[in-house]
Amino acid sequence: MRGEKLDEAKRLAAALAYVALVGTERVSVTPFAARALPPLSPLRGRRQVGTLLRYLESLEGPSGSAGATDLGRSVEGFLARRPRPGLVAVIGDFLDPGGFEGPLDRLAAAGHEPVLFHVLGAEELAPEQALAGGEGEPDFALVDAEGGRRVEVTLDAAVLRAYRQRLAAFLAAIDGYAKRRGFIAVRFGGARRFEDALLEYLRGAP
């Protein structure tokens, strides 16, 4: 993730971690990107909030194929440190080339409780707001923020319709997976306020 989504993910991580630290729970952070900072060692207590916030602020989004998101690698690295089984907040857009189901299954198999925090950008939910350009000519050059691949597209009605269908299927796949596995899944982004989505989780959290 980069830009708006990364900022939202950091904000969410900070809020969740603050609640845990104030409650004397142990908190650690493992970034997804291959070139990200080393994981943050477990912290405990409200006095560690500053350390946590500085770490989150220093995180940058992946750039280029060498820094692409790899949830599977991050999960394996996390499990290799043999953490005690507990709640694992997985914050991301879940657009991982390797898929999200396998890594989350691995967490659960190791005794952890994954909670899915799905972060979406406004342009992902409403791409028609960026519609512009002439008929028959590429309206936009889209560049994959992680892999660097460039694609020119015309956002006509047919493309937007196909995109919405793919997006709906993707969201349904995440929701369906979470329901089958008994995982909590909370979506952030779009018209829904950040505070409302966060409170939905906190009020229902065990």
N, C-alpha and C. Protein backbone atom coordinates (compact mmCIF):
# COMPACT_ATOMS: atom_id res chain seq x y z
N MET A 1 0.84 -1.19 0.00
CA MET A 1 0.00 0.00 0.00
C MET A 1 0.87 1.24 0.00
N ARG A 2 0.33 2.30 -0.59
CA ARG A 2 1.03 3.58 -0.62
C ARG A 2 0.00 4.69 -0.45
N GLY A 3 0.51 5.92 -0.24
CA GLY A 3 -0.34 7.10 -0.23
C GLY A 3 -1.45 7.04 0.80
N GLU A 4 -2.66 7.34 0.34
CA GLU A 4 -3.83 7.42 1.22
C GLU A 4 -4.05 6.14 1.99
N LYS A 5 -3.95 5.00 1.33
CA LYS A 5 -4.21 3.73 2.00
C LYS A 5 -3.16 3.44 3.07
N LEU A 6 -1.91 3.74 2.78
CA LEU A 6 -0.87 3.51 3.77
C LEU A 6 -1.09 4.40 5.00
N ASP A 7 -1.45 5.65 4.77
CA ASP A 7 -1.73 6.55 5.89
C ASP A 7 -2.88 6.02 6.73
N GLU A 8 -3.92 5.52 6.07
CA GLU A 8 -5.06 4.96 6.78
C GLU A 8 -4.64 3.72 7.58
N ALA A 9 -3.81 2.88 6.98
CA ALA A 9 -3.34 1.68 7.66
C ALA A 9 -2.50 2.03 8.89
N LYS A 10 -1.64 3.04 8.76
CA LYS A 10 -0.83 3.48 9.91
C LYS A 10 -1.72 4.01 11.02
N ARG A 11 -2.70 4.80 10.64
CA ARG A 11 -3.63 5.36 11.63
C ARG A 11 -4.37 4.25 12.37
N LEU A 12 -4.79 3.26 11.63
CA LEU A 12 -5.49 2.13 12.23
C LEU A 12 -4.57 1.34 13.15
N ALA A 13 -3.36 1.06 12.68
CA ALA A 13 -2.40 0.32 13.51
C ALA A 13 -2.10 1.07 14.80
N ALA A 14 -1.96 2.40 14.70
CA ALA A 14 -1.69 3.20 15.89
C ALA A 14 -2.84 3.12 16.88
N ALA A 15 -4.07 3.20 16.38
CA ALA A 15 -5.24 3.16 17.26
C ALA A 15 -5.35 1.80 17.95
N LEU A 16 -5.21 0.73 17.19
CA LEU A 16 -5.32 -0.61 17.77
C LEU A 16 -4.21 -0.87 18.78
N ALA A 17 -2.99 -0.47 18.41
CA ALA A 17 -1.85 -0.70 19.30
C ALA A 17 -1.97 0.12 20.58
N TYR A 18 -2.47 1.34 20.47
CA TYR A 18 -2.65 2.18 21.67
C TYR A 18 -3.60 1.50 22.65
N VAL A 19 -4.72 1.02 22.15
CA VAL A 19 -5.69 0.34 23.01
C VAL A 19 -5.03 -0.86 23.70
N ALA A 20 -4.24 -1.62 22.93
CA ALA A 20 -3.59 -2.80 23.50
C ALA A 20 -2.54 -2.42 24.54
N LEU A 21 -1.73 -1.41 24.26
CA LEU A 21 -0.67 -1.01 25.18
C LEU A 21 -1.25 -0.45 26.48
N VAL A 22 -2.29 0.34 26.36
CA VAL A 22 -2.93 0.88 27.57
C VAL A 22 -3.52 -0.25 28.40
N GLY A 23 -3.95 -1.31 27.73
CA GLY A 23 -4.47 -2.48 28.42
C GLY A 23 -3.41 -3.47 28.85
N THR A 24 -2.15 -3.06 28.79
CA THR A 24 -0.98 -3.87 29.19
C THR A 24 -0.79 -5.12 28.36
N GLU A 25 -1.32 -5.12 27.14
CA GLU A 25 -1.07 -6.24 26.22
C GLU A 25 0.26 -6.02 25.50
N ARG A 26 0.85 -7.10 25.03
CA ARG A 26 2.08 -7.02 24.25
C ARG A 26 1.73 -6.71 22.79
N VAL A 27 2.52 -5.83 22.17
CA VAL A 27 2.27 -5.40 20.79
C VAL A 27 3.56 -5.47 19.99
N SER A 28 3.49 -6.07 18.79
CA SER A 28 4.61 -6.03 17.85
C SER A 28 4.04 -5.72 16.48
N VAL A 29 4.90 -5.29 15.55
CA VAL A 29 4.47 -4.92 14.21
C VAL A 29 5.38 -5.60 13.19
N THR A 30 4.78 -6.24 12.18
CA THR A 30 5.53 -6.88 11.10
C THR A 30 5.04 -6.32 9.76
N PRO A 31 5.86 -5.50 9.07
CA PRO A 31 5.43 -4.96 7.76
C PRO A 31 5.39 -6.06 6.70
N PHE A 32 4.58 -5.84 5.65
CA PHE A 32 4.45 -6.82 4.57
C PHE A 32 5.55 -6.68 3.52
N ALA A 33 5.99 -5.46 3.21
CA ALA A 33 6.88 -5.23 2.07
C ALA A 33 8.24 -5.86 2.29
N ALA A 34 8.83 -6.38 1.19
CA ALA A 34 10.11 -7.07 1.28
C ALA A 34 11.23 -6.16 1.76
N ARG A 35 11.20 -4.88 1.38
CA ARG A 35 12.25 -3.94 1.75
C ARG A 35 11.87 -3.07 2.94
N ALA A 36 10.86 -3.47 3.68
CA ALA A 36 10.41 -2.69 4.82
C ALA A 36 11.40 -2.80 5.97
N LEU A 37 11.18 -1.99 6.99
CA LEU A 37 12.01 -2.05 8.18
C LEU A 37 11.88 -3.42 8.84
N PRO A 38 12.87 -3.80 9.65
CA PRO A 38 12.74 -5.03 10.42
C PRO A 38 11.52 -4.94 11.33
N PRO A 39 10.95 -6.06 11.71
CA PRO A 39 9.77 -6.04 12.60
C PRO A 39 10.08 -5.31 13.90
N LEU A 40 9.06 -4.70 14.45
CA LEU A 40 9.19 -4.03 15.74
C LEU A 40 9.07 -5.07 16.85
N SER A 41 10.06 -5.11 17.72
CA SER A 41 10.05 -6.07 18.82
C SER A 41 8.86 -5.82 19.73
N PRO A 42 8.39 -6.86 20.42
CA PRO A 42 7.21 -6.70 21.28
C PRO A 42 7.40 -5.60 22.31
N LEU A 43 6.34 -4.81 22.47
CA LEU A 43 6.31 -3.72 23.44
C LEU A 43 5.17 -3.99 24.43
N ARG A 44 5.29 -3.41 25.61
CA ARG A 44 4.22 -3.53 26.60
C ARG A 44 4.15 -2.24 27.41
N GLY A 45 2.95 -1.77 27.69
CA GLY A 45 2.76 -0.62 28.56
C GLY A 45 2.59 0.69 27.81
N ARG A 46 1.83 1.61 28.40
CA ARG A 46 1.53 2.88 27.74
C ARG A 46 2.78 3.73 27.50
N ARG A 47 3.85 3.51 28.25
CA ARG A 47 5.08 4.28 28.05
C ARG A 47 5.74 3.97 26.71
N GLN A 48 5.33 2.87 26.07
CA GLN A 48 5.93 2.48 24.79
C GLN A 48 5.16 3.04 23.59
N VAL A 49 4.12 3.83 23.85
CA VAL A 49 3.33 4.38 22.75
C VAL A 49 4.19 5.23 21.82
N GLY A 50 5.07 6.05 22.37
CA GLY A 50 5.94 6.89 21.55
C GLY A 50 6.83 6.07 20.64
N THR A 51 7.40 4.99 21.15
CA THR A 51 8.24 4.10 20.34
C THR A 51 7.44 3.51 19.19
N LEU A 52 6.23 3.08 19.47
CA LEU A 52 5.37 2.51 18.45
C LEU A 52 5.04 3.53 17.37
N LEU A 53 4.66 4.75 17.76
CA LEU A 53 4.27 5.77 16.80
C LEU A 53 5.45 6.17 15.91
N ARG A 54 6.63 6.26 16.48
CA ARG A 54 7.81 6.60 15.67
C ARG A 54 8.10 5.50 14.65
N TYR A 55 7.91 4.26 15.05
CA TYR A 55 8.13 3.15 14.11
C TYR A 55 7.13 3.20 12.97
N LEU A 56 5.86 3.39 13.29
CA LEU A 56 4.84 3.45 12.25
C LEU A 56 5.08 4.62 11.30
N GLU A 57 5.49 5.75 11.84
CA GLU A 57 5.74 6.93 11.00
C GLU A 57 6.88 6.67 10.02
N SER A 58 7.84 5.84 10.40
CA SER A 58 8.99 5.58 9.55
C SER A 58 8.70 4.59 8.43
N LEU A 59 7.57 3.90 8.48
CA LEU A 59 7.23 2.91 7.45
C LEU A 59 6.88 3.60 6.14
N GLU A 60 7.39 3.05 5.04
CA GLU A 60 7.08 3.55 3.71
C GLU A 60 6.47 2.43 2.88
N GLY A 61 5.71 2.82 1.86
CA GLY A 61 5.09 1.83 0.99
C GLY A 61 6.11 1.18 0.09
N PRO A 62 5.80 0.00 -0.45
CA PRO A 62 6.70 -0.71 -1.37
C PRO A 62 6.83 0.04 -2.68
N SER A 63 7.98 -0.08 -3.32
CA SER A 63 8.22 0.57 -4.60
C SER A 63 9.05 -0.37 -5.48
N GLY A 64 8.48 -0.77 -6.63
CA GLY A 64 9.20 -1.68 -7.51
C GLY A 64 9.01 -3.12 -7.10
N SER A 65 9.33 -4.04 -7.98
CA SER A 65 9.07 -5.46 -7.72
C SER A 65 9.83 -5.99 -6.52
N ALA A 66 11.02 -5.42 -6.26
CA ALA A 66 11.81 -5.93 -5.13
C ALA A 66 11.18 -5.60 -3.79
N GLY A 67 10.31 -4.60 -3.79
CA GLY A 67 9.68 -4.24 -2.53
C GLY A 67 8.22 -4.60 -2.48
N ALA A 68 7.77 -5.44 -3.38
CA ALA A 68 6.34 -5.75 -3.47
C ALA A 68 5.84 -6.43 -2.21
N THR A 69 4.54 -6.26 -1.97
CA THR A 69 3.90 -6.88 -0.83
C THR A 69 3.98 -8.40 -0.91
N ASP A 70 4.29 -9.04 0.22
CA ASP A 70 4.32 -10.50 0.26
C ASP A 70 3.81 -10.92 1.63
N LEU A 71 2.51 -11.13 1.73
CA LEU A 71 1.91 -11.50 3.00
C LEU A 71 2.43 -12.86 3.47
N GLY A 72 2.59 -13.79 2.54
CA GLY A 72 3.08 -15.11 2.91
C GLY A 72 4.45 -15.06 3.56
N ARG A 73 5.38 -14.31 2.97
CA ARG A 73 6.73 -14.20 3.54
C ARG A 73 6.69 -13.55 4.91
N SER A 74 5.85 -12.51 5.06
CA SER A 74 5.76 -11.83 6.34
C SER A 74 5.21 -12.75 7.42
N VAL A 75 4.21 -13.54 7.07
CA VAL A 75 3.64 -14.48 8.05
C VAL A 75 4.67 -15.52 8.46
N GLU A 76 5.41 -16.05 7.49
CA GLU A 76 6.42 -17.05 7.83
C GLU A 76 7.50 -16.45 8.72
N GLY A 77 7.91 -15.20 8.44
CA GLY A 77 8.89 -14.54 9.29
C GLY A 77 8.36 -14.31 10.69
N PHE A 78 7.09 -13.94 10.76
CA PHE A 78 6.45 -13.72 12.06
C PHE A 78 6.41 -15.02 12.86
N LEU A 79 6.01 -16.12 12.23
CA LEU A 79 5.91 -17.40 12.94
C LEU A 79 7.28 -17.94 13.32
N ALA A 80 8.29 -17.61 12.51
CA ALA A 80 9.65 -18.09 12.81
C ALA A 80 10.17 -17.53 14.13
N ARG A 81 9.63 -16.40 14.56
CA ARG A 81 10.06 -15.82 15.84
C ARG A 81 9.34 -16.45 17.03
N ARG A 82 8.48 -17.44 16.72
CA ARG A 82 7.77 -18.23 17.73
C ARG A 82 7.01 -17.36 18.74
N PRO A 83 6.16 -16.47 18.25
CA PRO A 83 5.37 -15.65 19.19
C PRO A 83 4.32 -16.50 19.88
N ARG A 84 3.97 -16.11 21.07
CA ARG A 84 2.90 -16.81 21.77
C ARG A 84 1.59 -16.62 21.01
N PRO A 85 0.76 -17.66 20.93
CA PRO A 85 -0.51 -17.52 20.21
C PRO A 85 -1.34 -16.38 20.77
N GLY A 86 -1.93 -15.61 19.86
CA GLY A 86 -2.74 -14.48 20.28
C GLY A 86 -3.43 -13.85 19.09
N LEU A 87 -4.02 -12.69 19.32
CA LEU A 87 -4.71 -11.97 18.26
C LEU A 87 -3.70 -11.31 17.33
N VAL A 88 -3.91 -11.48 16.02
CA VAL A 88 -3.04 -10.85 15.02
C VAL A 88 -3.91 -9.98 14.12
N ALA A 89 -3.71 -8.67 14.20
CA ALA A 89 -4.44 -7.73 13.35
C ALA A 89 -3.73 -7.65 12.00
N VAL A 90 -4.36 -8.13 10.95
CA VAL A 90 -3.78 -8.10 9.61
C VAL A 90 -4.40 -6.92 8.88
N ILE A 91 -3.60 -5.87 8.65
CA ILE A 91 -4.09 -4.63 8.05
C ILE A 91 -3.55 -4.52 6.64
N GLY A 92 -4.43 -4.45 5.64
CA GLY A 92 -3.95 -4.34 4.27
C GLY A 92 -5.09 -4.25 3.29
N ASP A 93 -4.73 -4.18 2.00
CA ASP A 93 -5.78 -4.18 0.96
C ASP A 93 -6.02 -5.59 0.44
N PHE A 94 -5.20 -6.56 0.86
CA PHE A 94 -5.32 -7.98 0.51
C PHE A 94 -5.19 -8.24 -0.99
N LEU A 95 -4.58 -7.29 -1.70
CA LEU A 95 -4.31 -7.46 -3.13
C LEU A 95 -2.91 -8.06 -3.29
N ASP A 96 -2.71 -9.20 -2.69
CA ASP A 96 -1.41 -9.86 -2.70
C ASP A 96 -1.35 -10.84 -3.86
N PRO A 97 -0.31 -10.79 -4.70
CA PRO A 97 -0.22 -11.71 -5.83
C PRO A 97 -0.30 -13.17 -5.42
N GLY A 98 0.18 -13.50 -4.23
CA GLY A 98 0.16 -14.88 -3.77
C GLY A 98 -1.14 -15.28 -3.09
N GLY A 99 -2.09 -14.35 -2.99
CA GLY A 99 -3.34 -14.64 -2.32
C GLY A 99 -3.25 -14.41 -0.82
N PHE A 100 -4.40 -14.22 -0.20
CA PHE A 100 -4.42 -13.94 1.23
C PHE A 100 -4.86 -15.14 2.07
N GLU A 101 -5.53 -16.13 1.46
CA GLU A 101 -6.09 -17.22 2.24
C GLU A 101 -5.02 -18.09 2.90
N GLY A 102 -4.00 -18.48 2.12
CA GLY A 102 -2.96 -19.36 2.65
C GLY A 102 -2.24 -18.79 3.86
N PRO A 103 -1.74 -17.55 3.79
CA PRO A 103 -1.06 -16.98 4.96
C PRO A 103 -1.96 -16.86 6.18
N LEU A 104 -3.22 -16.49 5.98
CA LEU A 104 -4.13 -16.38 7.12
C LEU A 104 -4.42 -17.75 7.71
N ASP A 105 -4.55 -18.76 6.85
CA ASP A 105 -4.72 -20.13 7.34
C ASP A 105 -3.52 -20.58 8.17
N ARG A 106 -2.32 -20.16 7.74
CA ARG A 106 -1.11 -20.53 8.48
C ARG A 106 -1.12 -19.92 9.88
N LEU A 107 -1.56 -18.67 9.98
CA LEU A 107 -1.65 -18.03 11.29
C LEU A 107 -2.60 -18.80 12.20
N ALA A 108 -3.76 -19.15 11.65
CA ALA A 108 -4.75 -19.86 12.46
C ALA A 108 -4.24 -21.24 12.86
N ALA A 109 -3.57 -21.93 11.95
CA ALA A 109 -3.04 -23.26 12.24
C ALA A 109 -1.99 -23.22 13.35
N ALA A 110 -1.30 -22.08 13.47
CA ALA A 110 -0.28 -21.92 14.51
C ALA A 110 -0.88 -21.47 15.84
N GLY A 111 -2.21 -21.36 15.89
CA GLY A 111 -2.86 -21.02 17.14
C GLY A 111 -3.20 -19.56 17.31
N HIS A 112 -2.95 -18.74 16.27
CA HIS A 112 -3.24 -17.32 16.36
C HIS A 112 -4.67 -17.04 15.90
N GLU A 113 -5.15 -15.87 16.22
CA GLU A 113 -6.50 -15.44 15.86
C GLU A 113 -6.40 -14.25 14.91
N PRO A 114 -6.43 -14.47 13.60
CA PRO A 114 -6.33 -13.35 12.65
C PRO A 114 -7.61 -12.51 12.66
N VAL A 115 -7.43 -11.20 12.63
CA VAL A 115 -8.53 -10.26 12.43
C VAL A 115 -8.20 -9.46 11.19
N LEU A 116 -9.11 -9.44 10.21
CA LEU A 116 -8.84 -8.82 8.92
C LEU A 116 -9.34 -7.38 8.91
N PHE A 117 -8.42 -6.44 8.74
CA PHE A 117 -8.77 -5.04 8.60
C PHE A 117 -8.48 -4.65 7.15
N HIS A 118 -9.54 -4.57 6.37
CA HIS A 118 -9.42 -4.36 4.92
C HIS A 118 -9.48 -2.87 4.62
N VAL A 119 -8.37 -2.31 4.11
CA VAL A 119 -8.27 -0.87 3.82
C VAL A 119 -8.39 -0.65 2.32
N LEU A 120 -9.34 0.21 1.92
CA LEU A 120 -9.57 0.53 0.52
C LEU A 120 -9.45 2.03 0.30
N GLY A 121 -8.94 2.42 -0.87
CA GLY A 121 -8.85 3.83 -1.22
C GLY A 121 -10.14 4.32 -1.86
N ALA A 122 -10.37 5.63 -1.79
CA ALA A 122 -11.59 6.21 -2.36
C ALA A 122 -11.68 5.95 -3.86
N GLU A 123 -10.54 6.00 -4.57
CA GLU A 123 -10.56 5.79 -6.01
C GLU A 123 -10.84 4.34 -6.38
N GLU A 124 -10.58 3.42 -5.46
CA GLU A 124 -10.89 2.02 -5.71
C GLU A 124 -12.40 1.76 -5.61
N LEU A 125 -13.03 2.45 -4.69
CA LEU A 125 -14.46 2.26 -4.50
C LEU A 125 -15.30 3.07 -5.48
N ALA A 126 -14.76 4.20 -5.96
CA ALA A 126 -15.52 5.06 -6.88
C ALA A 126 -14.61 5.59 -7.99
N PRO A 127 -14.14 4.71 -8.89
CA PRO A 127 -13.22 5.16 -9.94
C PRO A 127 -13.87 6.12 -10.94
N GLU A 128 -15.20 6.12 -11.01
CA GLU A 128 -15.88 6.99 -11.97
C GLU A 128 -15.65 8.46 -11.65
N GLN A 129 -15.27 8.78 -10.42
CA GLN A 129 -15.01 10.16 -10.07
C GLN A 129 -13.78 10.71 -10.77
N ALA A 130 -12.93 9.80 -11.26
CA ALA A 130 -11.73 10.22 -11.98
C ALA A 130 -11.92 10.15 -13.49
N LEU A 131 -13.15 9.84 -13.94
CA LEU A 131 -13.41 9.69 -15.37
C LEU A 131 -13.20 11.00 -16.10
N ALA A 132 -12.39 10.96 -17.16
CA ALA A 132 -12.11 12.14 -17.97
C ALA A 132 -11.46 11.68 -19.26
N GLY A 133 -11.36 12.58 -20.22
CA GLY A 133 -10.65 12.25 -21.46
C GLY A 133 -11.58 12.04 -22.62
N GLY A 134 -11.02 11.85 -23.79
CA GLY A 134 -11.80 11.71 -25.01
C GLY A 134 -12.10 10.27 -25.34
N GLU A 135 -13.19 10.05 -26.02
CA GLU A 135 -13.61 8.70 -26.41
C GLU A 135 -12.59 8.09 -27.34
N GLY A 136 -12.21 6.83 -27.05
CA GLY A 136 -11.29 6.13 -27.93
C GLY A 136 -9.83 6.34 -27.62
N GLU A 137 -9.51 7.26 -26.73
CA GLU A 137 -8.12 7.50 -26.35
C GLU A 137 -7.92 7.07 -24.90
N PRO A 138 -6.72 6.58 -24.57
CA PRO A 138 -6.48 6.21 -23.18
C PRO A 138 -6.67 7.40 -22.26
N ASP A 139 -7.54 7.25 -21.29
CA ASP A 139 -7.78 8.33 -20.34
C ASP A 139 -6.70 8.40 -19.28
N PHE A 140 -6.20 7.24 -18.90
CA PHE A 140 -5.24 7.20 -17.81
C PHE A 140 -4.14 6.18 -18.09
N ALA A 141 -2.97 6.49 -17.56
CA ALA A 141 -1.89 5.52 -17.52
C ALA A 141 -1.79 5.07 -16.06
N LEU A 142 -2.22 3.85 -15.79
CA LEU A 142 -2.20 3.33 -14.43
C LEU A 142 -0.89 2.59 -14.19
N VAL A 143 -0.25 2.91 -13.07
CA VAL A 143 1.03 2.29 -12.74
C VAL A 143 0.89 1.55 -11.42
N ASP A 144 1.23 0.27 -11.44
CA ASP A 144 1.21 -0.54 -10.23
C ASP A 144 2.23 0.04 -9.25
N ALA A 145 1.75 0.51 -8.09
CA ALA A 145 2.64 1.15 -7.12
C ALA A 145 3.68 0.19 -6.57
N GLU A 146 3.42 -1.11 -6.62
CA GLU A 146 4.37 -2.07 -6.05
C GLU A 146 5.23 -2.72 -7.13
N GLY A 147 4.62 -3.13 -8.24
CA GLY A 147 5.38 -3.83 -9.28
C GLY A 147 5.91 -2.94 -10.38
N GLY A 148 5.35 -1.72 -10.52
CA GLY A 148 5.81 -0.79 -11.53
C GLY A 148 5.20 -1.01 -12.91
N ARG A 149 4.31 -1.97 -13.08
CA ARG A 149 3.70 -2.24 -14.39
C ARG A 149 2.77 -1.10 -14.78
N ARG A 150 2.83 -0.70 -16.06
CA ARG A 150 2.05 0.43 -16.56
C ARG A 150 1.01 -0.07 -17.56
N VAL A 151 -0.24 0.39 -17.38
CA VAL A 151 -1.34 0.00 -18.26
C VAL A 151 -2.15 1.25 -18.61
N GLU A 152 -2.43 1.44 -19.90
CA GLU A 152 -3.27 2.56 -20.33
C GLU A 152 -4.70 2.06 -20.49
N VAL A 153 -5.65 2.81 -19.92
CA VAL A 153 -7.04 2.39 -19.97
C VAL A 153 -7.95 3.56 -20.31
N THR A 154 -9.08 3.24 -20.91
CA THR A 154 -10.15 4.20 -21.13
C THR A 154 -11.30 3.82 -20.21
N LEU A 155 -11.65 4.71 -19.31
CA LEU A 155 -12.69 4.41 -18.35
C LEU A 155 -14.07 4.70 -18.93
N ASP A 156 -14.46 3.86 -19.89
CA ASP A 156 -15.81 4.02 -20.43
C ASP A 156 -16.79 3.20 -19.59
N ALA A 157 -18.06 3.22 -19.97
CA ALA A 157 -19.09 2.56 -19.17
C ALA A 157 -18.84 1.06 -19.03
N ALA A 158 -18.39 0.42 -20.12
CA ALA A 158 -18.17 -1.03 -20.08
C ALA A 158 -17.04 -1.39 -19.12
N VAL A 159 -15.96 -0.60 -19.16
CA VAL A 159 -14.83 -0.87 -18.28
C VAL A 159 -15.23 -0.67 -16.82
N LEU A 160 -15.96 0.41 -16.55
CA LEU A 160 -16.40 0.67 -15.19
C LEU A 160 -17.33 -0.44 -14.68
N ARG A 161 -18.21 -0.93 -15.55
CA ARG A 161 -19.12 -2.00 -15.16
C ARG A 161 -18.34 -3.27 -14.84
N ALA A 162 -17.37 -3.60 -15.67
CA ALA A 162 -16.55 -4.79 -15.43
C ALA A 162 -15.74 -4.64 -14.15
N TYR A 163 -15.23 -3.42 -13.92
CA TYR A 163 -14.45 -3.17 -12.71
C TYR A 163 -15.31 -3.37 -11.47
N ARG A 164 -16.51 -2.81 -11.48
CA ARG A 164 -17.39 -2.93 -10.33
C ARG A 164 -17.73 -4.39 -10.05
N GLN A 165 -17.89 -5.18 -11.10
CA GLN A 165 -18.18 -6.60 -10.92
C GLN A 165 -17.01 -7.32 -10.28
N ARG A 166 -15.80 -7.00 -10.75
CA ARG A 166 -14.60 -7.62 -10.17
C ARG A 166 -14.41 -7.19 -8.72
N LEU A 167 -14.65 -5.91 -8.45
CA LEU A 167 -14.51 -5.41 -7.08
C LEU A 167 -15.51 -6.09 -6.16
N ALA A 168 -16.78 -6.19 -6.61
CA ALA A 168 -17.80 -6.84 -5.79
C ALA A 168 -17.43 -8.29 -5.51
N ALA A 169 -16.89 -8.98 -6.52
CA ALA A 169 -16.49 -10.37 -6.34
C ALA A 169 -15.33 -10.48 -5.35
N PHE A 170 -14.39 -9.55 -5.42
CA PHE A 170 -13.24 -9.56 -4.52
C PHE A 170 -13.69 -9.32 -3.08
N LEU A 171 -14.54 -8.32 -2.88
CA LEU A 171 -15.04 -8.04 -1.53
C LEU A 171 -15.84 -9.22 -0.98
N ALA A 172 -16.64 -9.83 -1.85
CA ALA A 172 -17.43 -10.99 -1.43
C ALA A 172 -16.53 -12.16 -1.07
N ALA A 173 -15.42 -12.31 -1.80
CA ALA A 173 -14.48 -13.40 -1.51
C ALA A 173 -13.85 -13.23 -0.13
N ILE A 174 -13.48 -12.00 0.21
CA ILE A 174 -12.89 -11.75 1.53
C ILE A 174 -13.92 -11.98 2.63
N ASP A 175 -15.13 -11.44 2.43
CA ASP A 175 -16.17 -11.62 3.44
C ASP A 175 -16.55 -13.09 3.59
N GLY A 176 -16.65 -13.78 2.47
CA GLY A 176 -17.02 -15.19 2.52
C GLY A 176 -15.95 -16.03 3.20
N TYR A 177 -14.69 -15.74 2.90
CA TYR A 177 -13.59 -16.47 3.53
C TYR A 177 -13.62 -16.25 5.04
N ALA A 178 -13.76 -14.99 5.45
CA ALA A 178 -13.77 -14.68 6.88
C ALA A 178 -14.92 -15.39 7.58
N LYS A 179 -16.08 -15.42 6.95
CA LYS A 179 -17.25 -16.07 7.55
C LYS A 179 -17.02 -17.57 7.69
N ARG A 180 -16.46 -18.19 6.64
CA ARG A 180 -16.21 -19.64 6.70
C ARG A 180 -15.22 -19.99 7.79
N ARG A 181 -14.21 -19.16 7.96
CA ARG A 181 -13.16 -19.48 8.94
C ARG A 181 -13.46 -18.95 10.33
N GLY A 182 -14.54 -18.17 10.46
CA GLY A 182 -14.89 -17.63 11.76
C GLY A 182 -14.01 -16.47 12.17
N PHE A 183 -13.42 -15.76 11.19
CA PHE A 183 -12.57 -14.61 11.47
C PHE A 183 -13.39 -13.32 11.45
N ILE A 184 -12.99 -12.35 12.24
CA ILE A 184 -13.58 -11.02 12.17
C ILE A 184 -12.97 -10.28 10.99
N ALA A 185 -13.80 -9.58 10.22
CA ALA A 185 -13.33 -8.77 9.10
C ALA A 185 -14.02 -7.41 9.16
N VAL A 186 -13.22 -6.34 9.13
CA VAL A 186 -13.75 -4.97 9.18
C VAL A 186 -13.17 -4.19 8.01
N ARG A 187 -14.02 -3.48 7.29
CA ARG A 187 -13.59 -2.74 6.10
C ARG A 187 -13.47 -1.24 6.41
N PHE A 188 -12.37 -0.64 5.91
CA PHE A 188 -12.12 0.79 6.09
C PHE A 188 -12.00 1.44 4.72
N GLY A 189 -12.60 2.62 4.59
CA GLY A 189 -12.48 3.36 3.33
C GLY A 189 -13.84 3.76 2.79
N GLY A 190 -13.81 4.65 1.79
CA GLY A 190 -15.05 5.09 1.17
C GLY A 190 -15.76 6.11 2.03
N ALA A 191 -17.11 6.11 1.95
CA ALA A 191 -17.91 7.10 2.66
C ALA A 191 -17.99 6.81 4.16
N ARG A 192 -17.65 5.59 4.56
CA ARG A 192 -17.76 5.23 5.97
C ARG A 192 -16.64 5.88 6.77
N ARG A 193 -16.99 6.48 7.89
CA ARG A 193 -15.99 7.17 8.71
C ARG A 193 -15.06 6.17 9.38
N PHE A 194 -13.80 6.58 9.49
CA PHE A 194 -12.79 5.75 10.13
C PHE A 194 -13.23 5.39 11.55
N GLU A 195 -13.71 6.37 12.30
CA GLU A 195 -14.09 6.15 13.69
C GLU A 195 -15.22 5.13 13.80
N ASP A 196 -16.16 5.17 12.86
CA ASP A 196 -17.30 4.24 12.91
C ASP A 196 -16.83 2.80 12.69
N ALA A 197 -15.93 2.62 11.72
CA ALA A 197 -15.43 1.28 11.44
C ALA A 197 -14.60 0.75 12.62
N LEU A 198 -13.80 1.62 13.21
CA LEU A 198 -12.98 1.20 14.35
C LEU A 198 -13.85 0.83 15.54
N LEU A 199 -14.86 1.64 15.81
CA LEU A 199 -15.75 1.36 16.94
C LEU A 199 -16.52 0.06 16.73
N GLU A 200 -16.86 -0.24 15.46
CA GLU A 200 -17.56 -1.50 15.19
C GLU A 200 -16.74 -2.67 15.68
N TYR A 201 -15.43 -2.61 15.42
CA TYR A 201 -14.57 -3.70 15.88
C TYR A 201 -14.40 -3.69 17.40
N LEU A 202 -14.07 -2.53 17.96
CA LEU A 202 -13.78 -2.46 19.39
C LEU A 202 -14.98 -2.86 20.24
N ARG A 203 -16.17 -2.50 19.81
CA ARG A 203 -17.36 -2.86 20.58
C ARG A 203 -17.65 -4.35 20.54
N GLY A 204 -17.22 -5.00 19.45
CA GLY A 204 -17.48 -6.43 19.34
C GLY A 204 -16.28 -7.28 19.65
N ALA A 205 -15.14 -6.65 19.95
CA ALA A 205 -13.92 -7.41 20.21
C ALA A 205 -14.06 -8.20 21.51
N PRO A 206 -13.48 -9.42 21.51
CA PRO A 206 -13.55 -10.23 22.73
C PRO A 206 -12.73 -9.62 23.86
